[in-house]
């Protein structure tokens, strides 16, 4: 599940991921945020503090969104990942293509 909002003051789109981002939830994430990227053409902050699980489909959706953001010379920051979620980004090498900040407890 994803909750997203745009803040015109910072020109950032913030998306808070909740629960599990898997084969069932990833298409909604990708579709919702892709539309918002098109609309606002802004940087994206992905808040993972409430994310419990992400699979390869979810990671793939994030990569696709990064490509879309780069079309507008924008980027994605991923914040507040739990250690075991952060480890997935490390194992897959995705921590090298995403800007990652902070860890949730």
N, C-alpha and C. Protein backbone atom coordinates (compact mmCIF):
# COMPACT_ATOMS: atom_id res chain seq x y z
N UNK A 1 0.84 -1.18 0.00
CA UNK A 1 0.00 0.00 0.00
C UNK A 1 0.88 1.24 0.00
N UNK A 2 0.43 2.25 -0.71
CA UNK A 2 1.20 3.48 -0.81
C UNK A 2 0.31 4.69 -0.59
N UNK A 3 0.80 5.62 0.22
CA UNK A 3 0.16 6.92 0.39
C UNK A 3 1.13 7.94 -0.17
N UNK A 4 0.67 8.74 -1.10
CA UNK A 4 1.56 9.71 -1.73
C UNK A 4 0.94 11.10 -1.71
N UNK A 5 1.81 12.10 -1.57
CA UNK A 5 1.36 13.49 -1.62
C UNK A 5 2.48 14.35 -2.17
N UNK A 6 2.08 15.41 -2.80
CA UNK A 6 3.03 16.36 -3.37
C UNK A 6 3.05 17.61 -2.50
N UNK A 7 4.25 18.09 -2.20
CA UNK A 7 4.42 19.32 -1.43
C UNK A 7 5.01 20.40 -2.34
N UNK A 8 4.19 21.38 -2.76
CA UNK A 8 4.70 22.42 -3.66
C UNK A 8 5.78 23.30 -3.02
N UNK A 9 5.81 23.38 -1.70
CA UNK A 9 6.81 24.20 -1.01
C UNK A 9 8.22 23.63 -1.22
N UNK A 10 8.34 22.30 -1.17
CA UNK A 10 9.65 21.66 -1.35
C UNK A 10 9.82 21.10 -2.75
N UNK A 11 8.75 21.11 -3.54
CA UNK A 11 8.73 20.51 -4.87
C UNK A 11 9.15 19.05 -4.80
N UNK A 12 8.60 18.34 -3.80
CA UNK A 12 8.89 16.92 -3.63
C UNK A 12 7.60 16.13 -3.53
N UNK A 13 7.66 14.96 -4.08
CA UNK A 13 6.59 13.98 -3.96
C UNK A 13 7.04 13.00 -2.88
N UNK A 14 6.25 12.84 -1.83
CA UNK A 14 6.58 11.90 -0.77
C UNK A 14 5.62 10.73 -0.83
N UNK A 15 6.18 9.52 -0.86
CA UNK A 15 5.38 8.30 -0.88
C UNK A 15 5.74 7.47 0.35
N UNK A 16 4.74 7.15 1.13
CA UNK A 16 4.95 6.33 2.32
C UNK A 16 4.47 4.91 2.00
N UNK A 17 5.40 3.97 2.01
CA UNK A 17 5.06 2.58 1.73
C UNK A 17 4.66 1.90 3.04
N UNK A 18 3.57 1.13 2.97
CA UNK A 18 3.06 0.46 4.17
C UNK A 18 2.83 -1.02 3.90
N UNK A 19 3.13 -1.82 4.89
CA UNK A 19 2.86 -3.26 4.78
C UNK A 19 3.82 -3.94 3.84
N UNK A 20 3.26 -4.67 2.87
CA UNK A 20 4.05 -5.47 1.94
C UNK A 20 3.94 -4.90 0.53
N UNK A 21 5.06 -4.76 -0.13
CA UNK A 21 5.08 -4.41 -1.55
C UNK A 21 5.56 -5.66 -2.28
N UNK A 22 4.60 -6.40 -2.79
CA UNK A 22 4.88 -7.66 -3.46
C UNK A 22 4.22 -7.69 -4.82
N UNK A 23 4.12 -8.85 -5.40
CA UNK A 23 3.55 -8.99 -6.75
C UNK A 23 2.13 -8.43 -6.84
N UNK A 24 1.43 -8.39 -5.74
CA UNK A 24 0.05 -7.90 -5.73
C UNK A 24 -0.02 -6.38 -5.58
N UNK A 25 0.89 -5.82 -4.79
CA UNK A 25 0.85 -4.38 -4.49
C UNK A 25 1.74 -3.55 -5.41
N UNK A 26 2.75 -4.15 -6.00
CA UNK A 26 3.71 -3.41 -6.83
C UNK A 26 3.06 -2.68 -8.01
N UNK A 27 2.11 -3.30 -8.73
CA UNK A 27 1.50 -2.56 -9.85
C UNK A 27 0.81 -1.27 -9.42
N UNK A 28 0.13 -1.29 -8.27
CA UNK A 28 -0.52 -0.08 -7.76
C UNK A 28 0.52 0.99 -7.44
N UNK A 29 1.60 0.58 -6.79
CA UNK A 29 2.68 1.51 -6.46
C UNK A 29 3.22 2.15 -7.72
N UNK A 30 3.55 1.33 -8.71
CA UNK A 30 4.14 1.83 -9.95
C UNK A 30 3.18 2.76 -10.69
N UNK A 31 1.93 2.36 -10.80
CA UNK A 31 0.95 3.17 -11.53
C UNK A 31 0.69 4.51 -10.84
N UNK A 32 0.47 4.46 -9.54
CA UNK A 32 0.13 5.67 -8.79
C UNK A 32 1.28 6.69 -8.83
N UNK A 33 2.50 6.21 -8.58
CA UNK A 33 3.62 7.14 -8.54
C UNK A 33 4.03 7.59 -9.93
N UNK A 34 3.89 6.74 -10.93
CA UNK A 34 4.22 7.15 -12.31
C UNK A 34 3.32 8.31 -12.74
N UNK A 35 2.04 8.23 -12.40
CA UNK A 35 1.12 9.33 -12.73
C UNK A 35 1.51 10.62 -12.01
N UNK A 36 1.92 10.49 -10.76
CA UNK A 36 2.31 11.67 -9.99
C UNK A 36 3.62 12.27 -10.50
N UNK A 37 4.53 11.41 -10.96
CA UNK A 37 5.78 11.91 -11.54
C UNK A 37 5.46 12.70 -12.81
N UNK A 38 4.59 12.15 -13.63
CA UNK A 38 4.17 12.84 -14.86
C UNK A 38 3.56 14.20 -14.54
N UNK A 39 2.72 14.23 -13.53
CA UNK A 39 2.00 15.46 -13.19
C UNK A 39 2.91 16.53 -12.60
N UNK A 40 3.80 16.14 -11.67
CA UNK A 40 4.57 17.13 -10.91
C UNK A 40 6.02 17.28 -11.36
N UNK A 41 6.55 16.26 -12.01
CA UNK A 41 7.95 16.29 -12.47
C UNK A 41 8.88 16.75 -11.36
N UNK A 42 8.78 16.08 -10.21
CA UNK A 42 9.55 16.46 -9.04
C UNK A 42 10.37 15.29 -8.51
N UNK A 43 11.26 15.60 -7.59
CA UNK A 43 12.00 14.55 -6.90
C UNK A 43 11.02 13.75 -6.03
N UNK A 44 11.42 12.52 -5.72
CA UNK A 44 10.55 11.64 -4.95
C UNK A 44 11.29 11.19 -3.70
N UNK A 45 10.58 11.20 -2.58
CA UNK A 45 11.08 10.65 -1.33
C UNK A 45 10.21 9.43 -1.01
N UNK A 46 10.84 8.28 -0.90
CA UNK A 46 10.13 7.05 -0.55
C UNK A 46 10.41 6.76 0.91
N UNK A 47 9.40 6.87 1.75
CA UNK A 47 9.52 6.63 3.19
C UNK A 47 9.15 5.17 3.47
N UNK A 48 10.12 4.41 3.94
CA UNK A 48 9.92 2.97 4.17
C UNK A 48 9.74 2.62 5.65
N UNK A 49 9.46 3.61 6.49
CA UNK A 49 9.37 3.34 7.93
C UNK A 49 8.26 2.35 8.27
N UNK A 50 7.20 2.27 7.44
CA UNK A 50 6.10 1.33 7.70
C UNK A 50 6.10 0.16 6.72
N UNK A 51 7.20 -0.01 5.99
CA UNK A 51 7.31 -1.11 5.04
C UNK A 51 7.82 -2.35 5.76
N UNK A 52 7.06 -3.45 5.66
CA UNK A 52 7.44 -4.68 6.33
C UNK A 52 8.15 -5.66 5.41
N UNK A 53 7.84 -5.59 4.11
CA UNK A 53 8.37 -6.58 3.17
C UNK A 53 8.32 -6.00 1.76
N UNK A 54 9.35 -6.31 0.98
CA UNK A 54 9.35 -5.95 -0.43
C UNK A 54 10.02 -7.10 -1.18
N UNK A 55 9.40 -7.52 -2.29
CA UNK A 55 9.98 -8.60 -3.09
C UNK A 55 10.58 -8.03 -4.36
N UNK A 56 11.02 -8.91 -5.24
CA UNK A 56 11.69 -8.46 -6.46
C UNK A 56 10.76 -7.66 -7.36
N UNK A 57 9.46 -7.95 -7.31
CA UNK A 57 8.50 -7.17 -8.09
C UNK A 57 8.43 -5.74 -7.58
N UNK A 58 8.44 -5.58 -6.27
CA UNK A 58 8.44 -4.25 -5.67
C UNK A 58 9.72 -3.49 -5.98
N UNK A 59 10.85 -4.19 -5.90
CA UNK A 59 12.13 -3.55 -6.24
C UNK A 59 12.14 -3.14 -7.71
N UNK A 60 11.59 -3.99 -8.56
CA UNK A 60 11.50 -3.67 -9.98
C UNK A 60 10.65 -2.43 -10.24
N UNK A 61 9.56 -2.31 -9.49
CA UNK A 61 8.70 -1.13 -9.62
C UNK A 61 9.46 0.14 -9.24
N UNK A 62 10.28 0.07 -8.19
CA UNK A 62 11.07 1.23 -7.78
C UNK A 62 12.09 1.60 -8.84
N UNK A 63 12.71 0.60 -9.46
CA UNK A 63 13.68 0.86 -10.53
C UNK A 63 12.98 1.54 -11.71
N UNK A 64 11.79 1.03 -12.08
CA UNK A 64 11.03 1.64 -13.18
C UNK A 64 10.67 3.09 -12.86
N UNK A 65 10.32 3.36 -11.62
CA UNK A 65 9.99 4.73 -11.21
C UNK A 65 11.22 5.62 -11.25
N UNK A 66 12.38 5.08 -10.89
CA UNK A 66 13.61 5.86 -10.96
C UNK A 66 13.90 6.25 -12.41
N UNK A 67 13.71 5.31 -13.32
CA UNK A 67 13.93 5.60 -14.75
C UNK A 67 12.99 6.71 -15.21
N UNK A 68 11.74 6.65 -14.77
CA UNK A 68 10.76 7.68 -15.14
C UNK A 68 11.17 9.03 -14.57
N UNK A 69 11.59 9.05 -13.32
CA UNK A 69 12.03 10.30 -12.68
C UNK A 69 13.23 10.88 -13.42
N UNK A 70 14.15 10.02 -13.83
CA UNK A 70 15.35 10.50 -14.54
C UNK A 70 15.00 11.09 -15.89
N UNK A 71 13.87 10.68 -16.48
CA UNK A 71 13.42 11.31 -17.73
C UNK A 71 13.23 12.81 -17.56
N UNK A 72 12.95 13.24 -16.32
CA UNK A 72 12.74 14.65 -16.01
C UNK A 72 13.91 15.22 -15.20
N UNK A 73 15.04 14.53 -15.23
CA UNK A 73 16.24 14.93 -14.47
C UNK A 73 15.95 15.02 -12.97
N UNK A 74 15.14 14.11 -12.49
CA UNK A 74 14.80 14.05 -11.06
C UNK A 74 15.32 12.73 -10.49
N UNK A 75 15.26 12.60 -9.18
CA UNK A 75 15.77 11.40 -8.54
C UNK A 75 14.83 10.88 -7.46
N UNK A 76 15.23 9.76 -6.86
CA UNK A 76 14.47 9.14 -5.78
C UNK A 76 15.40 8.98 -4.59
N UNK A 77 14.92 9.45 -3.43
CA UNK A 77 15.59 9.20 -2.15
C UNK A 77 14.76 8.20 -1.38
N UNK A 78 15.40 7.19 -0.85
CA UNK A 78 14.70 6.20 -0.04
C UNK A 78 15.16 6.41 1.40
N UNK A 79 14.17 6.61 2.30
CA UNK A 79 14.51 6.92 3.68
C UNK A 79 13.85 5.92 4.64
N UNK A 80 14.42 5.85 5.83
CA UNK A 80 13.85 5.09 6.95
C UNK A 80 13.62 3.61 6.64
N UNK A 81 14.61 2.96 6.03
CA UNK A 81 14.48 1.52 5.77
C UNK A 81 14.84 0.74 7.03
N UNK A 82 14.14 -0.33 7.26
CA UNK A 82 14.50 -1.24 8.34
C UNK A 82 15.76 -1.99 7.90
N UNK A 83 16.59 -2.44 8.85
CA UNK A 83 17.85 -3.10 8.48
C UNK A 83 17.68 -4.27 7.50
N UNK A 84 16.66 -5.08 7.69
CA UNK A 84 16.50 -6.23 6.79
C UNK A 84 16.02 -5.81 5.40
N UNK A 85 15.33 -4.69 5.29
CA UNK A 85 14.94 -4.15 3.98
C UNK A 85 16.18 -3.54 3.32
N UNK A 86 16.95 -2.82 4.09
CA UNK A 86 18.18 -2.21 3.57
C UNK A 86 19.12 -3.28 3.03
N UNK A 87 19.15 -4.43 3.70
CA UNK A 87 20.01 -5.52 3.27
C UNK A 87 19.63 -6.00 1.87
N UNK A 88 18.32 -6.00 1.55
CA UNK A 88 17.89 -6.39 0.20
C UNK A 88 18.44 -5.44 -0.85
N UNK A 89 18.44 -4.15 -0.55
CA UNK A 89 19.00 -3.17 -1.47
C UNK A 89 20.50 -3.39 -1.63
N UNK A 90 21.18 -3.76 -0.56
CA UNK A 90 22.62 -4.02 -0.61
C UNK A 90 22.91 -5.27 -1.43
N UNK A 91 22.21 -6.35 -1.15
CA UNK A 91 22.43 -7.62 -1.85
C UNK A 91 22.18 -7.48 -3.34
N UNK A 92 21.16 -6.74 -3.71
CA UNK A 92 20.81 -6.58 -5.13
C UNK A 92 21.62 -5.49 -5.82
N UNK A 93 22.39 -4.73 -5.07
CA UNK A 93 23.19 -3.65 -5.65
C UNK A 93 22.39 -2.37 -5.88
N UNK A 94 21.14 -2.36 -5.45
CA UNK A 94 20.29 -1.19 -5.68
C UNK A 94 20.65 0.00 -4.79
N UNK A 95 21.37 -0.26 -3.71
CA UNK A 95 21.78 0.86 -2.87
C UNK A 95 22.75 1.78 -3.61
N UNK A 96 23.33 1.28 -4.71
CA UNK A 96 24.25 2.10 -5.50
C UNK A 96 23.53 3.00 -6.48
N UNK A 97 22.27 2.68 -6.82
CA UNK A 97 21.56 3.53 -7.78
C UNK A 97 20.51 4.43 -7.11
N UNK A 98 20.13 4.09 -5.89
CA UNK A 98 19.20 4.93 -5.14
C UNK A 98 19.97 5.70 -4.08
N UNK A 99 19.52 6.92 -3.79
CA UNK A 99 20.04 7.66 -2.66
C UNK A 99 19.30 7.14 -1.42
N UNK A 100 20.04 6.58 -0.48
CA UNK A 100 19.40 5.98 0.70
C UNK A 100 19.86 6.72 1.95
N UNK A 101 18.88 7.06 2.79
CA UNK A 101 19.16 7.83 4.00
C UNK A 101 18.44 7.23 5.19
N UNK A 102 19.13 7.13 6.29
CA UNK A 102 18.53 6.74 7.56
C UNK A 102 18.01 5.32 7.59
N UNK A 103 17.94 4.79 8.79
CA UNK A 103 17.36 3.47 9.01
C UNK A 103 16.30 3.57 10.09
N UNK A 104 15.21 2.86 9.87
CA UNK A 104 14.16 2.77 10.89
C UNK A 104 14.58 1.71 11.91
N UNK A 105 14.05 1.80 13.05
CA UNK A 105 14.36 0.82 14.11
C UNK A 105 13.49 -0.40 13.97
